[in-house]
């Protein structure tokens, strides 16, 4: 089952606070993905990281046409918070 994201909030140091429909909340460190194609733009373009958006299906977050993260990766690899 694909997890649907309820909210996403950018935090300092390239960390995302993400909550899911099932109540799980995680912190996801995007720095771990900076070696992936296109992700360097998040550091190079001032303010881009803070422009994170949730797609209509709520199964993916994105910054532009080249940089996105699926909800299942965030759900699995994010650090759970209370």
PDB file of N, CA and C in Angstrom:
ATOM      1  N   UNK A   1       0.831  -1.185   0.000  1.00  0.00           N
ATOM      2  CA  UNK A   1       0.000   0.000   0.000  1.00  0.00           C
ATOM      3  C   UNK A   1       0.881   1.257   0.000  1.00  0.00           C
ATOM      4  N   UNK A   2       0.570   2.177  -0.862  1.00  0.00           N
ATOM      5  CA  UNK A   2       1.322   3.422  -0.938  1.00  0.00           C
ATOM      6  C   UNK A   2       0.852   4.353   0.174  1.00  0.00           C
ATOM      7  N   UNK A   3       1.802   4.865   0.935  1.00  0.00           N
ATOM      8  CA  UNK A   3       1.484   5.779   2.028  1.00  0.00           C
ATOM      9  C   UNK A   3       1.221   7.182   1.483  1.00  0.00           C
ATOM     10  N   UNK A   4       0.166   7.789   1.948  1.00  0.00           N
ATOM     11  CA  UNK A   4      -0.165   9.152   1.526  1.00  0.00           C
ATOM     12  C   UNK A   4       0.328  10.155   2.564  1.00  0.00           C
ATOM     13  N   UNK A   5       0.941  11.203   2.057  1.00  0.00           N
ATOM     14  CA  UNK A   5       1.481  12.257   2.906  1.00  0.00           C
ATOM     15  C   UNK A   5       0.369  13.240   3.255  1.00  0.00           C
ATOM     16  N   UNK A   6       0.281  13.590   4.520  1.00  0.00           N
ATOM     17  CA  UNK A   6      -0.678  14.592   4.965  1.00  0.00           C
ATOM     18  C   UNK A   6      -0.056  15.986   4.907  1.00  0.00           C
ATOM     19  N   UNK A   7       1.150  16.113   5.475  1.00  0.00           N
ATOM     20  CA  UNK A   7       1.832  17.412   5.468  1.00  0.00           C
ATOM     21  C   UNK A   7       3.323  17.223   5.253  1.00  0.00           C
ATOM     22  N   UNK A   8       3.943  18.236   4.682  1.00  0.00           N
ATOM     23  CA  UNK A   8       5.400  18.275   4.549  1.00  0.00           C
ATOM     24  C   UNK A   8       5.844  19.699   4.864  1.00  0.00           C
ATOM     25  N   UNK A   9       6.899  19.799   5.675  1.00  0.00           N
ATOM     26  CA  UNK A   9       7.404  21.110   6.081  1.00  0.00           C
ATOM     27  C   UNK A   9       8.930  21.095   6.004  1.00  0.00           C
ATOM     28  N   UNK A  10       9.525  22.054   5.287  1.00  0.00           N
ATOM     29  CA  UNK A  10      10.983  22.129   5.252  1.00  0.00           C
ATOM     30  C   UNK A  10      11.523  22.700   6.561  1.00  0.00           C
ATOM     31  N   UNK A  11      12.581  22.102   7.057  1.00  0.00           N
ATOM     32  CA  UNK A  11      13.256  22.543   8.271  1.00  0.00           C
ATOM     33  C   UNK A  11      14.687  22.950   7.913  1.00  0.00           C
ATOM     34  N   UNK A  12      15.402  23.565   8.839  1.00  0.00           N
ATOM     35  CA  UNK A  12      16.802  23.916   8.551  1.00  0.00           C
ATOM     36  C   UNK A  12      17.655  22.689   8.236  1.00  0.00           C
ATOM     37  N   UNK A  13      18.751  22.917   7.565  1.00  0.00           N
ATOM     38  CA  UNK A  13      19.766  21.908   7.268  1.00  0.00           C
ATOM     39  C   UNK A  13      19.237  20.783   6.374  1.00  0.00           C
ATOM     40  N   UNK A  14      18.323  21.116   5.441  1.00  0.00           N
ATOM     41  CA  UNK A  14      17.817  20.175   4.439  1.00  0.00           C
ATOM     42  C   UNK A  14      17.098  18.964   5.041  1.00  0.00           C
ATOM     43  N   UNK A  15      16.335  19.224   6.078  1.00  0.00           N
ATOM     44  CA  UNK A  15      15.523  18.188   6.711  1.00  0.00           C
ATOM     45  C   UNK A  15      14.053  18.511   6.460  1.00  0.00           C
ATOM     46  N   UNK A  16      13.264  17.468   6.199  1.00  0.00           N
ATOM     47  CA  UNK A  16      11.820  17.611   6.017  1.00  0.00           C
ATOM     48  C   UNK A  16      11.086  16.975   7.184  1.00  0.00           C
ATOM     49  N   UNK A  17      10.072  17.657   7.668  1.00  0.00           N
ATOM     50  CA  UNK A  17       9.153  17.093   8.640  1.00  0.00           C
ATOM     51  C   UNK A  17       7.924  16.637   7.854  1.00  0.00           C
ATOM     52  N   UNK A  18       7.630  15.336   7.925  1.00  0.00           N
ATOM     53  CA  UNK A  18       6.565  14.767   7.106  1.00  0.00           C
ATOM     54  C   UNK A  18       5.611  13.975   7.990  1.00  0.00           C
ATOM     55  N   UNK A  19       4.312  14.196   7.809  1.00  0.00           N
ATOM     56  CA  UNK A  19       3.312  13.382   8.497  1.00  0.00           C
ATOM     57  C   UNK A  19       2.461  12.670   7.451  1.00  0.00           C
ATOM     58  N   UNK A  20       2.056  11.466   7.808  1.00  0.00           N
ATOM     59  CA  UNK A  20       1.297  10.602   6.908  1.00  0.00           C
ATOM     60  C   UNK A  20      -0.127  10.415   7.412  1.00  0.00           C
ATOM     61  N   UNK A  21      -0.990   9.960   6.522  1.00  0.00           N
ATOM     62  CA  UNK A  21      -2.395   9.751   6.872  1.00  0.00           C
ATOM     63  C   UNK A  21      -2.587   8.748   8.005  1.00  0.00           C
ATOM     64  N   UNK A  22      -1.673   7.791   8.147  1.00  0.00           N
ATOM     65  CA  UNK A  22      -1.823   6.790   9.211  1.00  0.00           C
ATOM     66  C   UNK A  22      -1.322   7.293  10.567  1.00  0.00           C
ATOM     67  N   UNK A  23      -0.881   8.563  10.621  1.00  0.00           N
ATOM     68  CA  UNK A  23      -0.428   9.158  11.877  1.00  0.00           C
ATOM     69  C   UNK A  23       1.073   9.137  12.081  1.00  0.00           C
ATOM     70  N   UNK A  24       1.804   8.384  11.282  1.00  0.00           N
ATOM     71  CA  UNK A  24       3.260   8.335  11.420  1.00  0.00           C
ATOM     72  C   UNK A  24       3.845   9.693  11.050  1.00  0.00           C
ATOM     73  N   UNK A  25       4.843  10.134  11.834  1.00  0.00           N
ATOM     74  CA  UNK A  25       5.570  11.374  11.565  1.00  0.00           C
ATOM     75  C   UNK A  25       7.055  11.043  11.509  1.00  0.00           C
ATOM     76  N   UNK A  26       7.734  11.614  10.518  1.00  0.00           N
ATOM     77  CA  UNK A  26       9.162  11.346  10.359  1.00  0.00           C
ATOM     78  C   UNK A  26       9.913  12.630  10.045  1.00  0.00           C
ATOM     79  N   UNK A  27      11.199  12.587  10.317  1.00  0.00           N
ATOM     80  CA  UNK A  27      12.133  13.599   9.832  1.00  0.00           C
ATOM     81  C   UNK A  27      12.960  12.919   8.754  1.00  0.00           C
ATOM     82  N   UNK A  28      12.999  13.522   7.579  1.00  0.00           N
ATOM     83  CA  UNK A  28      13.731  12.947   6.456  1.00  0.00           C
ATOM     84  C   UNK A  28      14.863  13.887   6.085  1.00  0.00           C
ATOM     85  N   UNK A  29      16.097  13.380   6.147  1.00  0.00           N
ATOM     86  CA  UNK A  29      17.293  14.174   5.860  1.00  0.00           C
ATOM     87  C   UNK A  29      17.607  14.093   4.362  1.00  0.00           C
ATOM     88  N   UNK A  30      17.330  15.160   3.653  1.00  0.00           N
ATOM     89  CA  UNK A  30      17.537  15.188   2.203  1.00  0.00           C
ATOM     90  C   UNK A  30      19.024  15.242   1.855  1.00  0.00           C
ATOM     91  N   UNK A  31      19.876  15.610   2.797  1.00  0.00           N
ATOM     92  CA  UNK A  31      21.318  15.629   2.532  1.00  0.00           C
ATOM     93  C   UNK A  31      21.805  14.256   2.084  1.00  0.00           C
ATOM     94  N   UNK A  32      21.152  13.202   2.563  1.00  0.00           N
ATOM     95  CA  UNK A  32      21.537  11.845   2.168  1.00  0.00           C
ATOM     96  C   UNK A  32      21.312  11.596   0.682  1.00  0.00           C
ATOM     97  N   UNK A  33      20.467  12.394   0.044  1.00  0.00           N
ATOM     98  CA  UNK A  33      20.152  12.229  -1.372  1.00  0.00           C
ATOM     99  C   UNK A  33      20.890  13.215  -2.278  1.00  0.00           C
ATOM    100  N   UNK A  34      21.718  14.067  -1.723  1.00  0.00           N
ATOM    101  CA  UNK A  34      22.346  15.136  -2.502  1.00  0.00           C
ATOM    102  C   UNK A  34      23.248  14.634  -3.621  1.00  0.00           C
ATOM    103  N   UNK A  35      23.660  13.371  -3.577  1.00  0.00           N
ATOM    104  CA  UNK A  35      24.500  12.841  -4.657  1.00  0.00           C
ATOM    105  C   UNK A  35      23.663  12.359  -5.847  1.00  0.00           C
ATOM    106  N   UNK A  36      22.357  12.318  -5.703  1.00  0.00           N
ATOM    107  CA  UNK A  36      21.481  11.893  -6.797  1.00  0.00           C
ATOM    108  C   UNK A  36      21.394  12.985  -7.863  1.00  0.00           C
ATOM    109  N   UNK A  37      21.141  12.602  -9.115  1.00  0.00           N
ATOM    110  CA  UNK A  37      21.057  13.600 -10.187  1.00  0.00           C
ATOM    111  C   UNK A  37      20.015  14.677  -9.891  1.00  0.00           C
ATOM    112  N   UNK A  38      20.436  15.924 -10.066  1.00  0.00           N
ATOM    113  CA  UNK A  38      19.538  17.057  -9.900  1.00  0.00           C
ATOM    114  C   UNK A  38      19.453  17.619  -8.500  1.00  0.00           C
ATOM    115  N   UNK A  39      19.728  16.814  -7.485  1.00  0.00           N
ATOM    116  CA  UNK A  39      19.545  17.261  -6.106  1.00  0.00           C
ATOM    117  C   UNK A  39      20.500  18.374  -5.686  1.00  0.00           C
ATOM    118  N   UNK A  40      21.636  18.513  -6.374  1.00  0.00           N
ATOM    119  CA  UNK A  40      22.586  19.580  -6.045  1.00  0.00           C
ATOM    120  C   UNK A  40      21.927  20.955  -6.161  1.00  0.00           C
ATOM    121  N   UNK A  41      20.907  21.066  -7.001  1.00  0.00           N
ATOM    122  CA  UNK A  41      20.199  22.341  -7.146  1.00  0.00           C
ATOM    123  C   UNK A  41      19.585  22.811  -5.834  1.00  0.00           C
ATOM    124  N   UNK A  42      19.234  21.878  -4.956  1.00  0.00           N
ATOM    125  CA  UNK A  42      18.656  22.264  -3.670  1.00  0.00           C
ATOM    126  C   UNK A  42      19.631  23.085  -2.839  1.00  0.00           C
ATOM    127  N   UNK A  43      20.937  22.847  -3.035  1.00  0.00           N
ATOM    128  CA  UNK A  43      21.960  23.654  -2.353  1.00  0.00           C
ATOM    129  C   UNK A  43      22.344  24.875  -3.177  1.00  0.00           C
ATOM    130  N   UNK A  44      22.345  24.727  -4.485  1.00  0.00           N
ATOM    131  CA  UNK A  44      22.837  25.790  -5.361  1.00  0.00           C
ATOM    132  C   UNK A  44      21.842  26.929  -5.565  1.00  0.00           C
ATOM    133  N   UNK A  45      20.552  26.625  -5.589  1.00  0.00           N
ATOM    134  CA  UNK A  45      19.533  27.650  -5.830  1.00  0.00           C
ATOM    135  C   UNK A  45      18.953  28.084  -4.488  1.00  0.00           C
ATOM    136  N   UNK A  46      19.275  29.293  -4.109  1.00  0.00           N
ATOM    137  CA  UNK A  46      18.845  29.808  -2.807  1.00  0.00           C
ATOM    138  C   UNK A  46      17.322  29.792  -2.689  1.00  0.00           C
ATOM    139  N   UNK A  47      16.834  29.209  -1.608  1.00  0.00           N
ATOM    140  CA  UNK A  47      15.410  29.180  -1.329  1.00  0.00           C
ATOM    141  C   UNK A  47      14.644  28.036  -1.969  1.00  0.00           C
ATOM    142  N   UNK A  48      15.277  27.269  -2.855  1.00  0.00           N
ATOM    143  CA  UNK A  48      14.566  26.185  -3.544  1.00  0.00           C
ATOM    144  C   UNK A  48      14.083  25.117  -2.572  1.00  0.00           C
ATOM    145  N   UNK A  49      14.914  24.742  -1.618  1.00  0.00           N
ATOM    146  CA  UNK A  49      14.531  23.685  -0.680  1.00  0.00           C
ATOM    147  C   UNK A  49      13.231  24.035   0.051  1.00  0.00           C
ATOM    148  N   UNK A  50      13.072  25.289   0.424  1.00  0.00           N
ATOM    149  CA  UNK A  50      11.889  25.732   1.163  1.00  0.00           C
ATOM    150  C   UNK A  50      10.619  25.718   0.299  1.00  0.00           C
ATOM    151  N   UNK A  51      10.768  25.531  -1.005  1.00  0.00           N
ATOM    152  CA  UNK A  51       9.624  25.528  -1.915  1.00  0.00           C
ATOM    153  C   UNK A  51       9.063  24.118  -2.161  1.00  0.00           C
ATOM    154  N   UNK A  52       9.363  23.188  -1.275  1.00  0.00           N
ATOM    155  CA  UNK A  52       8.866  21.819  -1.428  1.00  0.00           C
ATOM    156  C   UNK A  52       7.340  21.817  -1.532  1.00  0.00           C
ATOM    157  N   UNK A  53       6.831  20.942  -2.401  1.00  0.00           N
ATOM    158  CA  UNK A  53       5.389  20.839  -2.635  1.00  0.00           C
ATOM    159  C   UNK A  53       4.951  19.381  -2.591  1.00  0.00           C
ATOM    160  N   UNK A  54       3.691  19.184  -2.309  1.00  0.00           N
ATOM    161  CA  UNK A  54       3.084  17.864  -2.292  1.00  0.00           C
ATOM    162  C   UNK A  54       2.259  17.695  -3.565  1.00  0.00           C
ATOM    163  N   UNK A  55       2.448  16.574  -4.272  1.00  0.00           N
ATOM    164  CA  UNK A  55       1.678  16.385  -5.502  1.00  0.00           C
ATOM    165  C   UNK A  55       0.212  16.066  -5.182  1.00  0.00           C
ATOM    166  N   UNK A  56      -0.621  16.114  -6.187  1.00  0.00           N
ATOM    167  CA  UNK A  56      -2.071  15.946  -5.983  1.00  0.00           C
ATOM    168  C   UNK A  56      -2.438  14.584  -5.409  1.00  0.00           C
ATOM    169  N   UNK A  57      -1.691  13.563  -5.767  1.00  0.00           N
ATOM    170  CA  UNK A  57      -1.995  12.221  -5.264  1.00  0.00           C
ATOM    171  C   UNK A  57      -1.547  12.041  -3.814  1.00  0.00           C
ATOM    172  N   UNK A  58      -0.731  12.958  -3.340  1.00  0.00           N
ATOM    173  CA  UNK A  58      -0.148  12.933  -1.989  1.00  0.00           C
ATOM    174  C   UNK A  58       0.757  11.724  -1.784  1.00  0.00           C
ATOM    175  N   UNK A  59       1.361  11.217  -2.866  1.00  0.00           N
ATOM    176  CA  UNK A  59       2.289  10.094  -2.787  1.00  0.00           C
ATOM    177  C   UNK A  59       3.700  10.491  -3.198  1.00  0.00           C
ATOM    178  N   UNK A  60       3.925  11.788  -3.366  1.00  0.00           N
ATOM    179  CA  UNK A  60       5.228  12.279  -3.808  1.00  0.00           C
ATOM    180  C   UNK A  60       5.360  13.752  -3.417  1.00  0.00           C
ATOM    181  N   UNK A  61       6.569  14.132  -3.050  1.00  0.00           N
ATOM    182  CA  UNK A  61       6.868  15.549  -2.870  1.00  0.00           C
ATOM    183  C   UNK A  61       7.839  15.952  -3.961  1.00  0.00           C
ATOM    184  N   UNK A  62       7.862  17.241  -4.295  1.00  0.00           N
ATOM    185  CA  UNK A  62       8.746  17.676  -5.372  1.00  0.00           C
ATOM    186  C   UNK A  62       9.137  19.135  -5.183  1.00  0.00           C
ATOM    187  N   UNK A  63      10.208  19.490  -5.877  1.00  0.00           N
ATOM    188  CA  UNK A  63      10.684  20.876  -5.893  1.00  0.00           C
ATOM    189  C   UNK A  63      10.568  21.464  -7.297  1.00  0.00           C
ATOM    190  N   UNK A  64      10.825  20.637  -8.286  1.00  0.00           N
ATOM    191  CA  UNK A  64      10.696  21.049  -9.688  1.00  0.00           C
ATOM    192  C   UNK A  64      10.499  19.780 -10.527  1.00  0.00           C
ATOM    193  N   UNK A  65      10.596  19.903 -11.836  1.00  0.00           N
ATOM    194  CA  UNK A  65      10.370  18.750 -12.711  1.00  0.00           C
ATOM    195  C   UNK A  65      11.450  17.674 -12.597  1.00  0.00           C
ATOM    196  N   UNK A  66      12.577  18.009 -11.996  1.00  0.00           N
ATOM    197  CA  UNK A  66      13.696  17.072 -11.915  1.00  0.00           C
ATOM    198  C   UNK A  66      13.915  16.485 -10.534  1.00  0.00           C
ATOM    199  N   UNK A  67      13.416  17.136  -9.499  1.00  0.00           N
ATOM    200  CA  UNK A  67      13.714  16.702  -8.132  1.00  0.00           C
ATOM    201  C   UNK A  67      12.419  16.332  -7.425  1.00  0.00           C
ATOM    202  N   UNK A  68      12.301  15.037  -7.073  1.00  0.00           N
ATOM    203  CA  UNK A  68      11.134  14.591  -6.320  1.00  0.00           C
ATOM    204  C   UNK A  68      11.507  13.415  -5.425  1.00  0.00           C
ATOM    205  N   UNK A  69      10.631  13.126  -4.476  1.00  0.00           N
ATOM    206  CA  UNK A  69      10.815  12.000  -3.566  1.00  0.00           C
ATOM    207  C   UNK A  69       9.482  11.282  -3.406  1.00  0.00           C
ATOM    208  N   UNK A  70       9.451   9.967  -3.588  1.00  0.00           N
ATOM    209  CA  UNK A  70       8.210   9.229  -3.385  1.00  0.00           C
ATOM    210  C   UNK A  70       7.925   9.038  -1.897  1.00  0.00           C
ATOM    211  N   UNK A  71       6.649   8.973  -1.578  1.00  0.00           N
ATOM    212  CA  UNK A  71       6.250   8.862  -0.173  1.00  0.00           C
ATOM    213  C   UNK A  71       6.768   7.576   0.475  1.00  0.00           C
ATOM    214  N   UNK A  72       6.848   6.486  -0.283  1.00  0.00           N
ATOM    215  CA  UNK A  72       7.294   5.235   0.328  1.00  0.00           C
ATOM    216  C   UNK A  72       8.746   5.308   0.789  1.00  0.00           C
ATOM    217  N   UNK A  73       9.598   6.036   0.068  1.00  0.00           N
ATOM    218  CA  UNK A  73      10.990   6.202   0.497  1.00  0.00           C
ATOM    219  C   UNK A  73      11.062   7.043   1.769  1.00  0.00           C
ATOM    220  N   UNK A  74      10.281   8.101   1.821  1.00  0.00           N
ATOM    221  CA  UNK A  74      10.258   8.948   3.019  1.00  0.00           C
ATOM    222  C   UNK A  74       9.739   8.149   4.207  1.00  0.00           C
ATOM    223  N   UNK A  75       8.680   7.381   3.992  1.00  0.00           N
ATOM    224  CA  UNK A  75       8.067   6.575   5.048  1.00  0.00           C
ATOM    225  C   UNK A  75       9.054   5.550   5.601  1.00  0.00           C
ATOM    226  N   UNK A  76       9.771   4.884   4.701  1.00  0.00           N
ATOM    227  CA  UNK A  76      10.692   3.825   5.109  1.00  0.00           C
ATOM    228  C   UNK A  76      11.985   4.338   5.726  1.00  0.00           C
ATOM    229  N   UNK A  77      12.550   5.400   5.138  1.00  0.00           N
ATOM    230  CA  UNK A  77      13.870   5.847   5.561  1.00  0.00           C
ATOM    231  C   UNK A  77      13.870   7.069   6.479  1.00  0.00           C
ATOM    232  N   UNK A  78      12.716   7.679   6.693  1.00  0.00           N
ATOM    233  CA  UNK A  78      12.648   8.805   7.609  1.00  0.00           C
ATOM    234  C   UNK A  78      12.820   8.356   9.052  1.00  0.00           C
ATOM    235  N   UNK A  79      13.331   9.259   9.896  1.00  0.00           N
ATOM    236  CA  UNK A  79      13.497   8.965  11.303  1.00  0.00           C
ATOM    237  C   UNK A  79      12.179   9.241  12.036  1.00  0.00           C
ATOM    238  N   UNK A  80      11.549   8.219  12.615  1.00  0.00           N
ATOM    239  CA  UNK A  80      10.264   8.421  13.296  1.00  0.00           C
ATOM    240  C   UNK A  80      10.386   9.408  14.455  1.00  0.00           C
ATOM    241  N   UNK A  81       9.368  10.228  14.611  1.00  0.00           N
ATOM    242  CA  UNK A  81       9.282  11.164  15.739  1.00  0.00           C
ATOM    243  C   UNK A  81       7.936  10.966  16.411  1.00  0.00           C
ATOM    244  N   UNK A  82       7.859  11.359  17.641  1.00  0.00           N
ATOM    245  CA  UNK A  82       6.604  11.213  18.404  1.00  0.00           C
ATOM    246  C   UNK A  82       5.678  12.329  18.144  1.00  0.00           C
TER     247      UNK A  82
END
